[in-house]
Protein backbone atom coordinates (compact mmCIF):
# COMPACT_ATOMS: atom_id res chain seq x y z
CA MET A 1 235.93 -86.90 -203.41
CA ALA A 2 234.52 -85.27 -200.17
CA VAL A 3 231.93 -87.00 -198.22
CA SER A 4 229.46 -84.94 -196.06
CA VAL A 5 228.60 -86.67 -192.85
CA GLN A 6 225.37 -85.45 -191.20
CA ALA A 7 225.07 -86.17 -187.45
CA THR A 8 221.83 -87.84 -186.69
CA VAL A 9 220.10 -87.01 -183.53
CA ARG A 10 217.97 -89.90 -182.24
CA GLU A 11 214.50 -89.21 -180.79
CA VAL A 12 215.45 -91.04 -177.53
CA MET A 13 218.80 -90.15 -176.21
CA ASP A 14 220.99 -91.37 -173.34
CA ILE A 15 222.88 -89.16 -170.88
CA ARG A 16 225.87 -88.80 -173.20
CA GLN A 17 223.85 -87.92 -176.29
CA ALA A 18 221.43 -85.60 -174.59
CA SER A 19 224.34 -83.73 -172.80
CA GLU A 20 226.06 -83.21 -176.14
CA TYR A 21 222.84 -82.03 -177.62
CA LEU A 22 222.16 -79.53 -174.86
CA GLY A 23 225.83 -78.49 -174.52
CA ILE A 24 226.07 -79.30 -170.80
CA SER A 25 228.10 -81.78 -168.88
CA GLY A 26 226.80 -85.36 -168.15
CA ASP A 27 227.03 -84.84 -164.48
CA THR A 28 224.88 -81.66 -164.66
CA LEU A 29 222.34 -83.38 -166.80
CA TYR A 30 222.20 -86.35 -164.36
CA ARG A 31 221.52 -83.93 -161.47
CA TYR A 32 218.90 -82.13 -163.45
CA ALA A 33 217.10 -85.33 -164.30
CA SER A 34 217.31 -86.70 -160.75
CA GLU A 35 215.83 -83.46 -159.42
CA GLY A 36 213.00 -83.43 -162.05
CA PHE A 37 214.18 -80.13 -163.47
CA ILE A 38 214.32 -81.52 -166.99
CA PRO A 39 212.07 -83.94 -168.80
CA ALA A 40 213.47 -87.41 -168.51
CA PHE A 41 212.47 -90.96 -167.79
CA LYS A 42 214.29 -94.06 -166.64
CA LEU A 43 214.45 -97.10 -168.82
CA GLY A 44 215.64 -99.81 -166.28
CA ASN A 45 218.21 -97.97 -164.17
CA ARG A 46 219.29 -95.60 -167.06
CA TRP A 47 218.05 -92.03 -167.75
CA ARG A 48 216.57 -91.38 -171.24
CA PHE A 49 215.68 -88.20 -172.77
CA LYS A 50 213.17 -87.48 -175.80
CA LYS A 51 214.36 -84.90 -178.15
CA THR A 52 210.83 -83.47 -178.60
CA LEU A 53 210.34 -83.06 -174.93
CA LEU A 54 213.74 -81.36 -174.56
CA ASP A 55 213.05 -79.06 -177.40
CA ALA A 56 209.70 -77.99 -175.84
CA TRP A 57 211.37 -77.58 -172.52
CA MET A 58 213.95 -75.35 -173.94
CA ASP A 59 211.36 -73.26 -175.76
CA GLU A 60 209.41 -73.00 -172.60
CA LYS A 61 212.44 -71.95 -170.48
CA SER A 62 213.65 -69.46 -173.10
CA GLY A 63 210.24 -67.71 -173.40
CA VAL A 64 209.62 -68.92 -176.98
CA LYS A 65 205.88 -69.35 -177.59
CA PRO A 66 204.95 -72.32 -179.77
CA PRO A 67 202.94 -71.38 -182.88
CA ALA A 68 199.23 -71.13 -182.31
CA PRO A 69 197.43 -74.06 -183.90
CA ILE A 70 195.49 -73.13 -187.03
CA ALA A 71 191.77 -73.81 -186.72
CA VAL A 72 190.64 -75.77 -189.77
CA MET A 73 187.02 -75.89 -190.36
CA PRO A 74 185.61 -78.95 -192.15
CA LYS A 75 184.26 -78.18 -195.63
CA GLN A 76 180.57 -77.95 -196.01
CA LYS A 77 179.17 -80.78 -198.20
CA LYS A 78 176.94 -79.76 -201.13
CA PRO A 79 173.42 -81.16 -200.91
CA VAL A 80 172.80 -84.29 -202.80
CA ALA A 81 170.13 -83.95 -205.64
CA ARG A 82 167.17 -86.29 -205.04
CA ALA A 83 166.66 -89.13 -207.24
CA ARG A 84 163.71 -88.85 -209.60
């Protein structure tokens, strides 16, 4: 019986996980994070990367525009009949 294993990508990744996700070397990613080129933050003395921020950064750098938010107007309430 074949078992399919789906790789899970965490929301917060370390250098190794993020470099695999982005397809670049850990050394390059470390340099990008140190120079502020890529969105990252330090937790203690270790770099961490949020997947959502990396995705948004890649979209921005590749020229992909995020979908425009849809304006939702609140429904108008019907007038309440007066009590007699």
